[in-house]
């Protein structure tokens, strides 16, 4: 199993109702698979936010959603921000 810590920021935190959650996933699970699981767990407001969000894995922007997540990874969910 692979353990991934998902951290939510701003409106993603409000939509999920938690600051973070720990997921136990099969070895080799991808970012895309994690996002699918998050949509199942939080189908309403968070599902919409995930469509426009950016993601970091261990502090690095995700470009390839098929990328497998190593054990102990942190996945940050960053909704669009406004302001200046």
PDB file of N, CA and C in Angstrom:
ATOM      1  N   UNK A   1       0.836  -1.191   0.000  1.00  0.00           N
ATOM      2  CA  UNK A   1       0.000   0.000   0.000  1.00  0.00           C
ATOM      3  C   UNK A   1       0.879   1.252   0.000  1.00  0.00           C
ATOM      4  N   UNK A   2       0.326   2.301  -0.560  1.00  0.00           N
ATOM      5  CA  UNK A   2       0.973   3.600  -0.592  1.00  0.00           C
ATOM      6  C   UNK A   2       0.143   4.569   0.245  1.00  0.00           C
ATOM      7  N   UNK A   3       0.805   5.312   1.102  1.00  0.00           N
ATOM      8  CA  UNK A   3       0.136   6.320   1.919  1.00  0.00           C
ATOM      9  C   UNK A   3       0.385   7.690   1.305  1.00  0.00           C
ATOM     10  N   UNK A   4      -0.696   8.447   1.095  1.00  0.00           N
ATOM     11  CA  UNK A   4      -0.609   9.798   0.537  1.00  0.00           C
ATOM     12  C   UNK A   4      -1.375  10.745   1.461  1.00  0.00           C
ATOM     13  N   UNK A   5      -0.738  11.849   1.823  1.00  0.00           N
ATOM     14  CA  UNK A   5      -1.386  12.898   2.598  1.00  0.00           C
ATOM     15  C   UNK A   5      -1.917  13.941   1.623  1.00  0.00           C
ATOM     16  N   UNK A   6      -3.225  14.154   1.627  1.00  0.00           N
ATOM     17  CA  UNK A   6      -3.848  15.171   0.781  1.00  0.00           C
ATOM     18  C   UNK A   6      -4.122  16.380   1.662  1.00  0.00           C
ATOM     19  N   UNK A   7      -3.592  17.537   1.241  1.00  0.00           N
ATOM     20  CA  UNK A   7      -3.793  18.781   1.993  1.00  0.00           C
ATOM     21  C   UNK A   7      -4.638  19.724   1.144  1.00  0.00           C
ATOM     22  N   UNK A   8      -5.653  20.310   1.787  1.00  0.00           N
ATOM     23  CA  UNK A   8      -6.581  21.200   1.101  1.00  0.00           C
ATOM     24  C   UNK A   8      -6.332  22.643   1.528  1.00  0.00           C
ATOM     25  N   UNK A   9      -6.434  23.551   0.565  1.00  0.00           N
ATOM     26  CA  UNK A   9      -6.221  24.966   0.833  1.00  0.00           C
ATOM     27  C   UNK A   9      -7.435  25.765   0.372  1.00  0.00           C
ATOM     28  N   UNK A  10      -7.686  26.881   1.074  1.00  0.00           N
ATOM     29  CA  UNK A  10      -8.720  27.866   0.721  1.00  0.00           C
ATOM     30  C   UNK A  10     -10.079  27.196   0.506  1.00  0.00           C
ATOM     31  N   UNK A  11     -10.710  27.434  -0.636  1.00  0.00           N
ATOM     32  CA  UNK A  11     -12.058  26.905  -0.861  1.00  0.00           C
ATOM     33  C   UNK A  11     -12.092  25.383  -0.936  1.00  0.00           C
ATOM     34  N   UNK A  12     -10.984  24.753  -1.283  1.00  0.00           N
ATOM     35  CA  UNK A  12     -10.936  23.284  -1.280  1.00  0.00           C
ATOM     36  C   UNK A  12     -11.059  22.761   0.148  1.00  0.00           C
ATOM     37  N   UNK A  13     -10.469  23.464   1.087  1.00  0.00           N
ATOM     38  CA  UNK A  13     -10.585  23.090   2.506  1.00  0.00           C
ATOM     39  C   UNK A  13     -12.038  23.208   2.956  1.00  0.00           C
ATOM     40  N   UNK A  14     -12.673  24.307   2.598  1.00  0.00           N
ATOM     41  CA  UNK A  14     -14.071  24.497   2.986  1.00  0.00           C
ATOM     42  C   UNK A  14     -14.970  23.440   2.344  1.00  0.00           C
ATOM     43  N   UNK A  15     -14.732  23.118   1.090  1.00  0.00           N
ATOM     44  CA  UNK A  15     -15.573  22.153   0.377  1.00  0.00           C
ATOM     45  C   UNK A  15     -15.398  20.729   0.893  1.00  0.00           C
ATOM     46  N   UNK A  16     -14.190  20.377   1.290  1.00  0.00           N
ATOM     47  CA  UNK A  16     -13.941  19.016   1.780  1.00  0.00           C
ATOM     48  C   UNK A  16     -14.349  18.863   3.240  1.00  0.00           C
ATOM     49  N   UNK A  17     -14.343  19.976   3.967  1.00  0.00           N
ATOM     50  CA  UNK A  17     -14.676  19.939   5.382  1.00  0.00           C
ATOM     51  C   UNK A  17     -13.527  19.520   6.282  1.00  0.00           C
ATOM     52  N   UNK A  18     -12.345  19.335   5.694  1.00  0.00           N
ATOM     53  CA  UNK A  18     -11.159  18.946   6.472  1.00  0.00           C
ATOM     54  C   UNK A  18      -9.942  19.703   5.941  1.00  0.00           C
ATOM     55  N   UNK A  19      -8.934  19.833   6.792  1.00  0.00           N
ATOM     56  CA  UNK A  19      -7.672  20.452   6.364  1.00  0.00           C
ATOM     57  C   UNK A  19      -6.848  19.490   5.525  1.00  0.00           C
ATOM     58  N   UNK A  20      -6.920  18.219   5.917  1.00  0.00           N
ATOM     59  CA  UNK A  20      -6.128  17.196   5.237  1.00  0.00           C
ATOM     60  C   UNK A  20      -6.736  15.834   5.510  1.00  0.00           C
ATOM     61  N   UNK A  21      -6.357  14.864   4.688  1.00  0.00           N
ATOM     62  CA  UNK A  21      -6.766  13.487   4.924  1.00  0.00           C
ATOM     63  C   UNK A  21      -5.682  12.562   4.398  1.00  0.00           C
ATOM     64  N   UNK A  22      -5.588  11.403   5.022  1.00  0.00           N
ATOM     65  CA  UNK A  22      -4.597  10.403   4.639  1.00  0.00           C
ATOM     66  C   UNK A  22      -5.310   9.314   3.848  1.00  0.00           C
ATOM     67  N   UNK A  23      -4.759   8.988   2.681  1.00  0.00           N
ATOM     68  CA  UNK A  23      -5.322   7.946   1.833  1.00  0.00           C
ATOM     69  C   UNK A  23      -4.380   6.755   1.790  1.00  0.00           C
ATOM     70  N   UNK A  24      -4.945   5.572   1.840  1.00  0.00           N
ATOM     71  CA  UNK A  24      -4.207   4.333   1.630  1.00  0.00           C
ATOM     72  C   UNK A  24      -4.580   3.844   0.235  1.00  0.00           C
ATOM     73  N   UNK A  25      -3.584   3.743  -0.641  1.00  0.00           N
ATOM     74  CA  UNK A  25      -3.821   3.436  -2.047  1.00  0.00           C
ATOM     75  C   UNK A  25      -2.991   2.235  -2.475  1.00  0.00           C
ATOM     76  N   UNK A  26      -3.402   1.589  -3.564  1.00  0.00           N
ATOM     77  CA  UNK A  26      -2.559   0.520  -4.092  1.00  0.00           C
ATOM     78  C   UNK A  26      -1.215   1.085  -4.566  1.00  0.00           C
ATOM     79  N   UNK A  27      -0.174   0.295  -4.476  1.00  0.00           N
ATOM     80  CA  UNK A  27       1.141   0.716  -4.969  1.00  0.00           C
ATOM     81  C   UNK A  27       1.010   1.080  -6.446  1.00  0.00           C
ATOM     82  N   UNK A  28       1.601   2.205  -6.831  1.00  0.00           N
ATOM     83  CA  UNK A  28       1.559   2.655  -8.219  1.00  0.00           C
ATOM     84  C   UNK A  28       0.358   3.516  -8.559  1.00  0.00           C
ATOM     85  N   UNK A  29      -0.474   3.850  -7.570  1.00  0.00           N
ATOM     86  CA  UNK A  29      -1.640   4.702  -7.832  1.00  0.00           C
ATOM     87  C   UNK A  29      -1.174   6.055  -8.367  1.00  0.00           C
ATOM     88  N   UNK A  30      -1.907   6.559  -9.348  1.00  0.00           N
ATOM     89  CA  UNK A  30      -1.532   7.816  -9.999  1.00  0.00           C
ATOM     90  C   UNK A  30      -2.276   8.997  -9.388  1.00  0.00           C
ATOM     91  N   UNK A  31      -1.818  10.188  -9.742  1.00  0.00           N
ATOM     92  CA  UNK A  31      -2.498  11.417  -9.335  1.00  0.00           C
ATOM     93  C   UNK A  31      -3.945  11.375  -9.825  1.00  0.00           C
ATOM     94  N   UNK A  32      -4.156  10.945 -11.049  1.00  0.00           N
ATOM     95  CA  UNK A  32      -5.498  10.859 -11.612  1.00  0.00           C
ATOM     96  C   UNK A  32      -6.395   9.940 -10.785  1.00  0.00           C
ATOM     97  N   UNK A  33      -5.862   8.820 -10.339  1.00  0.00           N
ATOM     98  CA  UNK A  33      -6.645   7.897  -9.514  1.00  0.00           C
ATOM     99  C   UNK A  33      -6.998   8.521  -8.168  1.00  0.00           C
ATOM    100  N   UNK A  34      -6.072   9.266  -7.595  1.00  0.00           N
ATOM    101  CA  UNK A  34      -6.349   9.948  -6.328  1.00  0.00           C
ATOM    102  C   UNK A  34      -7.462  10.973  -6.527  1.00  0.00           C
ATOM    103  N   UNK A  35      -7.398  11.729  -7.605  1.00  0.00           N
ATOM    104  CA  UNK A  35      -8.434  12.731  -7.862  1.00  0.00           C
ATOM    105  C   UNK A  35      -9.796  12.072  -8.043  1.00  0.00           C
ATOM    106  N   UNK A  36      -9.837  10.919  -8.699  1.00  0.00           N
ATOM    107  CA  UNK A  36     -11.088  10.179  -8.836  1.00  0.00           C
ATOM    108  C   UNK A  36     -11.641   9.762  -7.484  1.00  0.00           C
ATOM    109  N   UNK A  37     -10.771   9.300  -6.608  1.00  0.00           N
ATOM    110  CA  UNK A  37     -11.187   8.906  -5.261  1.00  0.00           C
ATOM    111  C   UNK A  37     -11.712  10.110  -4.476  1.00  0.00           C
ATOM    112  N   UNK A  38     -11.035  11.249  -4.614  1.00  0.00           N
ATOM    113  CA  UNK A  38     -11.488  12.456  -3.913  1.00  0.00           C
ATOM    114  C   UNK A  38     -12.856  12.902  -4.416  1.00  0.00           C
ATOM    115  N   UNK A  39     -13.096  12.760  -5.714  1.00  0.00           N
ATOM    116  CA  UNK A  39     -14.416  13.113  -6.265  1.00  0.00           C
ATOM    117  C   UNK A  39     -15.503  12.192  -5.702  1.00  0.00           C
ATOM    118  N   UNK A  40     -15.167  10.926  -5.498  1.00  0.00           N
ATOM    119  CA  UNK A  40     -16.128   9.990  -4.902  1.00  0.00           C
ATOM    120  C   UNK A  40     -16.399  10.333  -3.437  1.00  0.00           C
ATOM    121  N   UNK A  41     -15.370  10.688  -2.707  1.00  0.00           N
ATOM    122  CA  UNK A  41     -15.513  10.991  -1.274  1.00  0.00           C
ATOM    123  C   UNK A  41     -16.227  12.311  -1.026  1.00  0.00           C
ATOM    124  N   UNK A  42     -15.997  13.280  -1.907  1.00  0.00           N
ATOM    125  CA  UNK A  42     -16.544  14.637  -1.738  1.00  0.00           C
ATOM    126  C   UNK A  42     -17.164  15.074  -3.074  1.00  0.00           C
ATOM    127  N   UNK A  43     -18.300  14.476  -3.458  1.00  0.00           N
ATOM    128  CA  UNK A  43     -18.786  14.641  -4.828  1.00  0.00           C
ATOM    129  C   UNK A  43     -19.329  16.018  -5.200  1.00  0.00           C
ATOM    130  N   UNK A  44     -19.786  16.789  -4.270  1.00  0.00           N
ATOM    131  CA  UNK A  44     -20.470  18.020  -4.649  1.00  0.00           C
ATOM    132  C   UNK A  44     -19.501  19.180  -4.861  1.00  0.00           C
ATOM    133  N   UNK A  45     -19.345  20.010  -3.873  1.00  0.00           N
ATOM    134  CA  UNK A  45     -18.548  21.232  -4.024  1.00  0.00           C
ATOM    135  C   UNK A  45     -17.088  20.939  -4.364  1.00  0.00           C
ATOM    136  N   UNK A  46     -16.481  19.961  -3.710  1.00  0.00           N
ATOM    137  CA  UNK A  46     -15.067  19.689  -3.985  1.00  0.00           C
ATOM    138  C   UNK A  46     -14.880  19.169  -5.403  1.00  0.00           C
ATOM    139  N   UNK A  47     -15.819  18.383  -5.884  1.00  0.00           N
ATOM    140  CA  UNK A  47     -15.723  17.884  -7.257  1.00  0.00           C
ATOM    141  C   UNK A  47     -15.588  19.016  -8.261  1.00  0.00           C
ATOM    142  N   UNK A  48     -16.347  20.079  -8.062  1.00  0.00           N
ATOM    143  CA  UNK A  48     -16.265  21.242  -8.967  1.00  0.00           C
ATOM    144  C   UNK A  48     -14.932  21.965  -8.813  1.00  0.00           C
ATOM    145  N   UNK A  49     -14.462  22.080  -7.592  1.00  0.00           N
ATOM    146  CA  UNK A  49     -13.190  22.766  -7.347  1.00  0.00           C
ATOM    147  C   UNK A  49     -12.029  22.001  -7.972  1.00  0.00           C
ATOM    148  N   UNK A  50     -12.074  20.676  -7.895  1.00  0.00           N
ATOM    149  CA  UNK A  50     -10.985  19.872  -8.458  1.00  0.00           C
ATOM    150  C   UNK A  50     -10.831  20.082  -9.959  1.00  0.00           C
ATOM    151  N   UNK A  51     -11.928  20.421 -10.638  1.00  0.00           N
ATOM    152  CA  UNK A  51     -11.867  20.654 -12.085  1.00  0.00           C
ATOM    153  C   UNK A  51     -10.964  21.836 -12.440  1.00  0.00           C
ATOM    154  N   UNK A  52     -10.888  22.835 -11.562  1.00  0.00           N
ATOM    155  CA  UNK A  52     -10.123  24.049 -11.855  1.00  0.00           C
ATOM    156  C   UNK A  52      -8.855  24.175 -11.015  1.00  0.00           C
ATOM    157  N   UNK A  53      -8.640  23.247 -10.099  1.00  0.00           N
ATOM    158  CA  UNK A  53      -7.523  23.354  -9.154  1.00  0.00           C
ATOM    159  C   UNK A  53      -6.189  23.010  -9.797  1.00  0.00           C
ATOM    160  N   UNK A  54      -5.145  23.460  -9.132  1.00  0.00           N
ATOM    161  CA  UNK A  54      -3.774  23.043  -9.438  1.00  0.00           C
ATOM    162  C   UNK A  54      -3.337  22.112  -8.317  1.00  0.00           C
ATOM    163  N   UNK A  55      -2.336  21.291  -8.610  1.00  0.00           N
ATOM    164  CA  UNK A  55      -1.900  20.294  -7.642  1.00  0.00           C
ATOM    165  C   UNK A  55      -0.383  20.284  -7.542  1.00  0.00           C
ATOM    166  N   UNK A  56       0.091  20.097  -6.330  1.00  0.00           N
ATOM    167  CA  UNK A  56       1.518  19.929  -6.074  1.00  0.00           C
ATOM    168  C   UNK A  56       1.721  18.559  -5.451  1.00  0.00           C
ATOM    169  N   UNK A  57       2.760  17.863  -5.886  1.00  0.00           N
ATOM    170  CA  UNK A  57       3.178  16.628  -5.225  1.00  0.00           C
ATOM    171  C   UNK A  57       4.541  16.904  -4.625  1.00  0.00           C
ATOM    172  N   UNK A  58       4.589  16.837  -3.317  1.00  0.00           N
ATOM    173  CA  UNK A  58       5.826  17.118  -2.582  1.00  0.00           C
ATOM    174  C   UNK A  58       6.422  18.463  -2.989  1.00  0.00           C
ATOM    175  N   UNK A  59       5.521  19.458  -3.174  1.00  0.00           N
ATOM    176  CA  UNK A  59       5.947  20.818  -3.466  1.00  0.00           C
ATOM    177  C   UNK A  59       6.238  21.119  -4.922  1.00  0.00           C
ATOM    178  N   UNK A  60       6.028  20.156  -5.815  1.00  0.00           N
ATOM    179  CA  UNK A  60       6.317  20.346  -7.241  1.00  0.00           C
ATOM    180  C   UNK A  60       5.012  20.264  -8.027  1.00  0.00           C
ATOM    181  N   UNK A  61       4.803  21.235  -8.933  1.00  0.00           N
ATOM    182  CA  UNK A  61       3.575  21.280  -9.723  1.00  0.00           C
ATOM    183  C   UNK A  61       3.398  20.004 -10.535  1.00  0.00           C
ATOM    184  N   UNK A  62       2.169  19.504 -10.548  1.00  0.00           N
ATOM    185  CA  UNK A  62       1.838  18.292 -11.297  1.00  0.00           C
ATOM    186  C   UNK A  62       1.489  18.677 -12.722  1.00  0.00           C
ATOM    187  N   UNK A  63       2.151  18.063 -13.656  1.00  0.00           N
ATOM    188  CA  UNK A  63       1.843  18.254 -15.072  1.00  0.00           C
ATOM    189  C   UNK A  63       1.331  16.939 -15.677  1.00  0.00           C
ATOM    190  N   UNK A  64       1.829  15.829 -15.165  1.00  0.00           N
ATOM    191  CA  UNK A  64       1.485  14.500 -15.672  1.00  0.00           C
ATOM    192  C   UNK A  64       0.624  13.788 -14.632  1.00  0.00           C
ATOM    193  N   UNK A  65      -0.677  13.726 -14.898  1.00  0.00           N
ATOM    194  CA  UNK A  65      -1.608  13.135 -13.933  1.00  0.00           C
ATOM    195  C   UNK A  65      -1.520  11.613 -13.900  1.00  0.00           C
ATOM    196  N   UNK A  66      -0.808  11.021 -14.840  1.00  0.00           N
ATOM    197  CA  UNK A  66      -0.619   9.566 -14.825  1.00  0.00           C
ATOM    198  C   UNK A  66       0.571   9.171 -13.955  1.00  0.00           C
ATOM    199  N   UNK A  67       1.247  10.163 -13.432  1.00  0.00           N
ATOM    200  CA  UNK A  67       2.430   9.929 -12.593  1.00  0.00           C
ATOM    201  C   UNK A  67       2.059   9.120 -11.349  1.00  0.00           C
ATOM    202  N   UNK A  68       2.769   8.020 -11.081  1.00  0.00           N
ATOM    203  CA  UNK A  68       2.511   7.279  -9.841  1.00  0.00           C
ATOM    204  C   UNK A  68       3.022   8.059  -8.632  1.00  0.00           C
ATOM    205  N   UNK A  69       2.312   7.929  -7.540  1.00  0.00           N
ATOM    206  CA  UNK A  69       2.686   8.624  -6.311  1.00  0.00           C
ATOM    207  C   UNK A  69       3.507   7.701  -5.422  1.00  0.00           C
ATOM    208  N   UNK A  70       4.687   8.139  -5.016  1.00  0.00           N
ATOM    209  CA  UNK A  70       5.473   7.315  -4.098  1.00  0.00           C
ATOM    210  C   UNK A  70       4.869   7.313  -2.695  1.00  0.00           C
ATOM    211  N   UNK A  71       5.168   6.287  -1.952  1.00  0.00           N
ATOM    212  CA  UNK A  71       4.696   6.184  -0.576  1.00  0.00           C
ATOM    213  C   UNK A  71       5.172   7.393   0.224  1.00  0.00           C
ATOM    214  N   UNK A  72       4.272   7.960   1.018  1.00  0.00           N
ATOM    215  CA  UNK A  72       4.617   9.104   1.857  1.00  0.00           C
ATOM    216  C   UNK A  72       4.490  10.445   1.169  1.00  0.00           C
ATOM    217  N   UNK A  73       3.941  10.476  -0.043  1.00  0.00           N
ATOM    218  CA  UNK A  73       3.787  11.733  -0.780  1.00  0.00           C
ATOM    219  C   UNK A  73       2.772  12.649  -0.121  1.00  0.00           C
ATOM    220  N   UNK A  74       2.934  13.943  -0.395  1.00  0.00           N
ATOM    221  CA  UNK A  74       1.941  14.948  -0.030  1.00  0.00           C
ATOM    222  C   UNK A  74       1.378  15.530  -1.316  1.00  0.00           C
ATOM    223  N   UNK A  75       0.062  15.501  -1.441  1.00  0.00           N
ATOM    224  CA  UNK A  75      -0.630  16.079  -2.588  1.00  0.00           C
ATOM    225  C   UNK A  75      -1.391  17.301  -2.098  1.00  0.00           C
ATOM    226  N   UNK A  76      -1.007  18.477  -2.581  1.00  0.00           N
ATOM    227  CA  UNK A  76      -1.662  19.729  -2.203  1.00  0.00           C
ATOM    228  C   UNK A  76      -2.699  20.094  -3.253  1.00  0.00           C
ATOM    229  N   UNK A  77      -3.898  20.426  -2.804  1.00  0.00           N
ATOM    230  CA  UNK A  77      -4.992  20.839  -3.678  1.00  0.00           C
ATOM    231  C   UNK A  77      -5.121  22.351  -3.558  1.00  0.00           C
ATOM    232  N   UNK A  78      -4.808  23.046  -4.650  1.00  0.00           N
ATOM    233  CA  UNK A  78      -4.784  24.511  -4.669  1.00  0.00           C
ATOM    234  C   UNK A  78      -5.863  25.027  -5.620  1.00  0.00           C
ATOM    235  N   UNK A  79      -6.973  25.512  -5.093  1.00  0.00           N
ATOM    236  CA  UNK A  79      -8.003  26.067  -5.968  1.00  0.00           C
ATOM    237  C   UNK A  79      -7.512  27.375  -6.580  1.00  0.00           C
ATOM    238  N   UNK A  80      -8.197  27.845  -7.629  1.00  0.00           N
ATOM    239  CA  UNK A  80      -7.801  29.133  -8.203  1.00  0.00           C
ATOM    240  C   UNK A  80      -7.869  30.230  -7.141  1.00  0.00           C
ATOM    241  N   UNK A  81      -6.869  31.087  -7.145  1.00  0.00           N
ATOM    242  CA  UNK A  81      -6.809  32.203  -6.205  1.00  0.00           C
ATOM    243  C   UNK A  81      -7.010  33.492  -6.975  1.00  0.00           C
ATOM    244  N   UNK A  82      -7.623  34.464  -6.329  1.00  0.00           N
ATOM    245  CA  UNK A  82      -7.788  35.789  -6.923  1.00  0.00           C
ATOM    246  C   UNK A  82      -7.148  36.803  -5.994  1.00  0.00           C
ATOM    247  N   UNK A  83      -6.839  37.924  -6.535  1.00  0.00           N
ATOM    248  CA  UNK A  83      -6.274  38.980  -5.700  1.00  0.00           C
ATOM    249  C   UNK A  83      -4.990  39.501  -6.292  1.00  0.00           C
ATOM    250  N   UNK A  84      -4.351  40.322  -5.541  1.00  0.00           N
ATOM    251  CA  UNK A  84      -3.126  40.880  -6.078  1.00  0.00           C
ATOM    252  C   UNK A  84      -2.285  41.505  -5.021  1.00  0.00           C
TER     253      UNK A  84
END
